[in-house]
Amino acid sequence: MEKPEAAGKRFFFTARHFSNKEIARIIGDKFSGYRTFVESFDHSKGDFPSDGYYRVDSSRTKDILGINITSVKKCVVDSVNSLKGLKGDSCAVI
């Protein structure tokens, strides 16, 4: 953030909004071994609020800083793969 045009500006580092329900869906879709576990949750919760939510515009992050933000799907898949690599009880839930 050493670019002069970034001075005095705030930047969002998120690809877009997402919900816990969407994260569970991605895990179930991409990791068949966890599908039953993910489907055991109460999916009536964890979605976007019915009365709306704040939206973010991260275009300034790309336009000014030149940063391309990783997609939610890739972040979730990479996180699960990383957790699968842990040994011992530290990842007992998954």
N, C-alpha and C. Protein backbone atom coordinates (compact mmCIF):
# COMPACT_ATOMS: atom_id res chain seq x y z
N MET A 1 0.82 -1.19 0.00
CA MET A 1 0.00 0.00 0.00
C MET A 1 0.87 1.25 0.00
N GLU A 2 1.93 1.16 -0.70
CA GLU A 2 2.83 2.29 -0.79
C GLU A 2 2.55 3.15 -2.01
N LYS A 3 1.52 2.86 -2.75
CA LYS A 3 1.17 3.64 -3.93
C LYS A 3 0.54 4.97 -3.50
N PRO A 4 0.99 6.06 -4.06
CA PRO A 4 0.44 7.37 -3.69
C PRO A 4 -1.07 7.45 -3.88
N GLU A 5 -1.60 6.80 -4.91
CA GLU A 5 -3.04 6.87 -5.17
C GLU A 5 -3.86 6.10 -4.14
N ALA A 6 -3.19 5.33 -3.29
CA ALA A 6 -3.88 4.58 -2.23
C ALA A 6 -4.00 5.40 -0.94
N ALA A 7 -3.31 6.51 -0.88
CA ALA A 7 -3.29 7.32 0.34
C ALA A 7 -4.69 7.76 0.74
N GLY A 8 -5.01 7.59 2.01
CA GLY A 8 -6.28 8.06 2.54
C GLY A 8 -7.50 7.24 2.15
N LYS A 9 -7.30 6.12 1.51
CA LYS A 9 -8.42 5.29 1.06
C LYS A 9 -8.48 4.00 1.89
N ARG A 10 -9.67 3.45 1.97
CA ARG A 10 -9.85 2.14 2.62
C ARG A 10 -10.10 1.10 1.55
N PHE A 11 -9.63 -0.11 1.82
CA PHE A 11 -9.74 -1.17 0.84
C PHE A 11 -10.37 -2.41 1.46
N PHE A 12 -11.25 -3.05 0.71
CA PHE A 12 -11.84 -4.32 1.12
C PHE A 12 -11.07 -5.44 0.45
N PHE A 13 -10.71 -6.44 1.23
CA PHE A 13 -9.99 -7.59 0.69
C PHE A 13 -10.88 -8.82 0.77
N THR A 14 -11.99 -8.76 0.08
CA THR A 14 -12.92 -9.89 0.02
C THR A 14 -13.46 -9.96 -1.41
N ALA A 15 -13.62 -11.17 -1.91
CA ALA A 15 -14.12 -11.33 -3.27
C ALA A 15 -15.58 -10.92 -3.37
N ARG A 16 -16.33 -11.24 -2.32
CA ARG A 16 -17.76 -10.92 -2.28
C ARG A 16 -18.31 -11.41 -0.95
N HIS A 17 -19.59 -11.19 -0.73
CA HIS A 17 -20.21 -11.69 0.50
C HIS A 17 -20.43 -13.21 0.37
N PHE A 18 -20.46 -13.89 1.51
CA PHE A 18 -20.71 -15.32 1.53
C PHE A 18 -21.30 -15.68 2.87
N SER A 19 -21.89 -16.85 2.95
CA SER A 19 -22.54 -17.28 4.19
C SER A 19 -21.96 -18.62 4.65
N ASN A 20 -22.22 -18.95 5.91
CA ASN A 20 -21.81 -20.26 6.42
C ASN A 20 -22.49 -21.38 5.64
N LYS A 21 -23.72 -21.15 5.23
CA LYS A 21 -24.46 -22.15 4.45
C LYS A 21 -23.74 -22.42 3.12
N GLU A 22 -23.24 -21.37 2.50
CA GLU A 22 -22.53 -21.53 1.24
C GLU A 22 -21.22 -22.30 1.46
N ILE A 23 -20.53 -22.01 2.55
CA ILE A 23 -19.29 -22.72 2.86
C ILE A 23 -19.58 -24.22 3.02
N ALA A 24 -20.65 -24.54 3.74
CA ALA A 24 -21.03 -25.95 3.93
C ALA A 24 -21.36 -26.60 2.59
N ARG A 25 -22.05 -25.88 1.71
CA ARG A 25 -22.38 -26.43 0.39
C ARG A 25 -21.12 -26.71 -0.41
N ILE A 26 -20.16 -25.80 -0.38
CA ILE A 26 -18.90 -25.99 -1.11
C ILE A 26 -18.18 -27.23 -0.59
N ILE A 27 -18.11 -27.38 0.73
CA ILE A 27 -17.44 -28.54 1.31
C ILE A 27 -18.15 -29.83 0.88
N GLY A 28 -19.48 -29.84 0.95
CA GLY A 28 -20.24 -31.02 0.54
C GLY A 28 -20.06 -31.36 -0.92
N ASP A 29 -19.98 -30.32 -1.77
CA ASP A 29 -19.83 -30.53 -3.21
C ASP A 29 -18.43 -31.01 -3.58
N LYS A 30 -17.42 -30.45 -2.95
CA LYS A 30 -16.04 -30.72 -3.34
C LYS A 30 -15.38 -31.88 -2.60
N PHE A 31 -15.96 -32.26 -1.45
CA PHE A 31 -15.36 -33.33 -0.65
C PHE A 31 -16.45 -34.34 -0.30
N SER A 32 -16.63 -35.32 -1.16
CA SER A 32 -17.72 -36.28 -0.98
C SER A 32 -17.63 -37.01 0.36
N GLY A 33 -16.42 -37.20 0.88
CA GLY A 33 -16.25 -37.87 2.17
C GLY A 33 -16.83 -37.10 3.34
N TYR A 34 -17.03 -35.80 3.17
CA TYR A 34 -17.59 -34.96 4.24
C TYR A 34 -19.05 -34.62 4.01
N ARG A 35 -19.61 -35.08 2.90
CA ARG A 35 -20.99 -34.69 2.53
C ARG A 35 -22.00 -35.06 3.63
N THR A 36 -21.94 -36.27 4.15
CA THR A 36 -22.88 -36.69 5.19
C THR A 36 -22.73 -35.83 6.43
N PHE A 37 -21.50 -35.54 6.80
CA PHE A 37 -21.23 -34.69 7.96
C PHE A 37 -21.83 -33.30 7.76
N VAL A 38 -21.59 -32.70 6.60
CA VAL A 38 -22.10 -31.35 6.31
C VAL A 38 -23.62 -31.36 6.25
N GLU A 39 -24.20 -32.39 5.66
CA GLU A 39 -25.66 -32.47 5.53
C GLU A 39 -26.35 -32.68 6.88
N SER A 40 -25.60 -33.07 7.91
CA SER A 40 -26.20 -33.30 9.23
C SER A 40 -26.51 -31.99 9.95
N PHE A 41 -26.01 -30.88 9.45
CA PHE A 41 -26.28 -29.59 10.09
C PHE A 41 -27.66 -29.08 9.75
N ASP A 42 -28.20 -28.21 10.59
CA ASP A 42 -29.48 -27.55 10.36
C ASP A 42 -29.26 -26.43 9.35
N HIS A 43 -29.60 -26.68 8.08
CA HIS A 43 -29.35 -25.71 7.03
C HIS A 43 -30.41 -24.61 6.94
N SER A 44 -31.33 -24.59 7.89
CA SER A 44 -32.28 -23.47 7.92
C SER A 44 -31.59 -22.24 8.52
N LYS A 45 -30.40 -22.45 9.08
CA LYS A 45 -29.63 -21.36 9.67
C LYS A 45 -28.33 -21.20 8.89
N GLY A 46 -27.65 -20.10 9.12
CA GLY A 46 -26.35 -19.90 8.51
C GLY A 46 -26.39 -19.28 7.14
N ASP A 47 -27.57 -18.87 6.68
CA ASP A 47 -27.68 -18.23 5.38
C ASP A 47 -27.65 -16.71 5.57
N PHE A 48 -27.85 -15.98 4.52
CA PHE A 48 -27.88 -14.52 4.61
C PHE A 48 -29.10 -14.07 5.41
N PRO A 49 -28.98 -12.97 6.15
CA PRO A 49 -30.13 -12.46 6.92
C PRO A 49 -31.29 -12.12 5.99
N SER A 50 -32.51 -12.44 6.41
CA SER A 50 -33.68 -12.18 5.56
C SER A 50 -33.94 -10.69 5.38
N ASP A 51 -33.44 -9.87 6.31
CA ASP A 51 -33.67 -8.43 6.19
C ASP A 51 -32.54 -7.73 5.45
N GLY A 52 -31.67 -8.49 4.81
CA GLY A 52 -30.61 -7.92 3.99
C GLY A 52 -29.26 -7.94 4.68
N TYR A 53 -28.26 -7.45 4.01
CA TYR A 53 -26.90 -7.45 4.53
C TYR A 53 -26.12 -6.35 3.82
N TYR A 54 -25.01 -5.98 4.42
CA TYR A 54 -24.15 -4.97 3.81
C TYR A 54 -23.39 -5.58 2.65
N ARG A 55 -23.23 -4.82 1.63
CA ARG A 55 -22.47 -5.27 0.47
C ARG A 55 -21.14 -4.52 0.45
N VAL A 56 -20.15 -5.12 -0.13
CA VAL A 56 -18.85 -4.48 -0.25
C VAL A 56 -18.44 -4.41 -1.71
N ASP A 57 -17.67 -3.39 -2.02
CA ASP A 57 -17.15 -3.22 -3.38
C ASP A 57 -15.63 -3.22 -3.26
N SER A 58 -15.02 -4.28 -3.70
CA SER A 58 -13.56 -4.38 -3.60
C SER A 58 -12.86 -4.03 -4.92
N SER A 59 -13.58 -3.37 -5.83
CA SER A 59 -12.98 -3.03 -7.13
C SER A 59 -11.78 -2.09 -6.96
N ARG A 60 -11.81 -1.23 -5.95
CA ARG A 60 -10.70 -0.32 -5.69
C ARG A 60 -9.42 -1.11 -5.37
N THR A 61 -9.57 -2.21 -4.69
CA THR A 61 -8.42 -3.05 -4.33
C THR A 61 -7.72 -3.56 -5.58
N LYS A 62 -8.52 -3.96 -6.56
CA LYS A 62 -7.94 -4.46 -7.81
C LYS A 62 -7.44 -3.30 -8.67
N ASP A 63 -8.26 -2.26 -8.79
CA ASP A 63 -7.92 -1.15 -9.69
C ASP A 63 -6.70 -0.35 -9.23
N ILE A 64 -6.62 -0.05 -7.95
CA ILE A 64 -5.52 0.78 -7.45
C ILE A 64 -4.32 -0.05 -7.03
N LEU A 65 -4.57 -1.12 -6.29
CA LEU A 65 -3.46 -1.91 -5.76
C LEU A 65 -3.03 -3.04 -6.68
N GLY A 66 -3.88 -3.40 -7.65
CA GLY A 66 -3.54 -4.48 -8.57
C GLY A 66 -3.63 -5.86 -7.96
N ILE A 67 -4.44 -5.98 -6.89
CA ILE A 67 -4.57 -7.26 -6.19
C ILE A 67 -5.81 -7.99 -6.67
N ASN A 68 -5.63 -9.22 -7.14
CA ASN A 68 -6.76 -10.07 -7.49
C ASN A 68 -7.10 -10.93 -6.28
N ILE A 69 -8.32 -10.88 -5.84
CA ILE A 69 -8.73 -11.58 -4.62
C ILE A 69 -9.15 -13.01 -4.97
N THR A 70 -8.70 -13.93 -4.14
CA THR A 70 -9.02 -15.35 -4.33
C THR A 70 -10.51 -15.58 -4.09
N SER A 71 -11.11 -16.44 -4.89
CA SER A 71 -12.54 -16.72 -4.75
C SER A 71 -12.86 -17.43 -3.45
N VAL A 72 -14.09 -17.30 -3.00
CA VAL A 72 -14.54 -17.97 -1.78
C VAL A 72 -14.39 -19.48 -1.94
N LYS A 73 -14.78 -20.00 -3.09
CA LYS A 73 -14.69 -21.45 -3.33
C LYS A 73 -13.26 -21.95 -3.18
N LYS A 74 -12.31 -21.26 -3.78
CA LYS A 74 -10.90 -21.67 -3.70
C LYS A 74 -10.41 -21.58 -2.25
N CYS A 75 -10.79 -20.53 -1.53
CA CYS A 75 -10.38 -20.40 -0.12
C CYS A 75 -10.89 -21.56 0.72
N VAL A 76 -12.15 -21.93 0.52
CA VAL A 76 -12.74 -23.03 1.29
C VAL A 76 -12.05 -24.35 0.95
N VAL A 77 -11.90 -24.62 -0.33
CA VAL A 77 -11.26 -25.88 -0.77
C VAL A 77 -9.82 -25.94 -0.25
N ASP A 78 -9.07 -24.85 -0.38
CA ASP A 78 -7.69 -24.84 0.10
C ASP A 78 -7.63 -25.03 1.61
N SER A 79 -8.57 -24.42 2.34
CA SER A 79 -8.59 -24.55 3.80
C SER A 79 -8.87 -25.99 4.22
N VAL A 80 -9.85 -26.62 3.58
CA VAL A 80 -10.17 -28.02 3.91
C VAL A 80 -8.98 -28.92 3.60
N ASN A 81 -8.37 -28.71 2.46
CA ASN A 81 -7.20 -29.53 2.11
C ASN A 81 -6.07 -29.33 3.11
N SER A 82 -5.89 -28.11 3.58
CA SER A 82 -4.86 -27.83 4.57
C SER A 82 -5.18 -28.53 5.90
N LEU A 83 -6.44 -28.47 6.32
CA LEU A 83 -6.84 -29.12 7.56
C LEU A 83 -6.72 -30.64 7.46
N LYS A 84 -6.99 -31.18 6.28
CA LYS A 84 -6.86 -32.62 6.09
C LYS A 84 -5.42 -33.07 6.29
N GLY A 85 -4.48 -32.19 6.10
CA GLY A 85 -3.07 -32.54 6.23
C GLY A 85 -2.58 -32.54 7.67
N LEU A 86 -3.40 -32.06 8.61
CA LEU A 86 -3.00 -32.04 10.02
C LEU A 86 -3.03 -33.43 10.61
N LYS A 87 -2.19 -33.66 11.57
CA LYS A 87 -2.14 -34.95 12.26
C LYS A 87 -2.66 -34.78 13.68
N GLY A 88 -3.17 -35.84 14.27
CA GLY A 88 -3.59 -35.81 15.66
C GLY A 88 -5.00 -35.31 15.85
N ASP A 89 -5.33 -34.92 17.06
CA ASP A 89 -6.69 -34.51 17.41
C ASP A 89 -7.00 -33.07 17.05
N SER A 90 -6.05 -32.33 16.52
CA SER A 90 -6.29 -30.91 16.25
C SER A 90 -7.35 -30.69 15.18
N CYS A 91 -7.70 -31.73 14.44
CA CYS A 91 -8.70 -31.60 13.38
C CYS A 91 -9.78 -32.66 13.54
N ALA A 92 -10.16 -32.94 14.75
CA ALA A 92 -11.08 -34.05 15.04
C ALA A 92 -12.45 -33.85 14.41
N VAL A 93 -12.89 -32.61 14.24
CA VAL A 93 -14.24 -32.36 13.70
C VAL A 93 -14.30 -32.79 12.25
N ILE A 94 -13.28 -32.56 11.50
CA ILE A 94 -13.28 -32.93 10.08
C ILE A 94 -12.58 -34.25 9.97
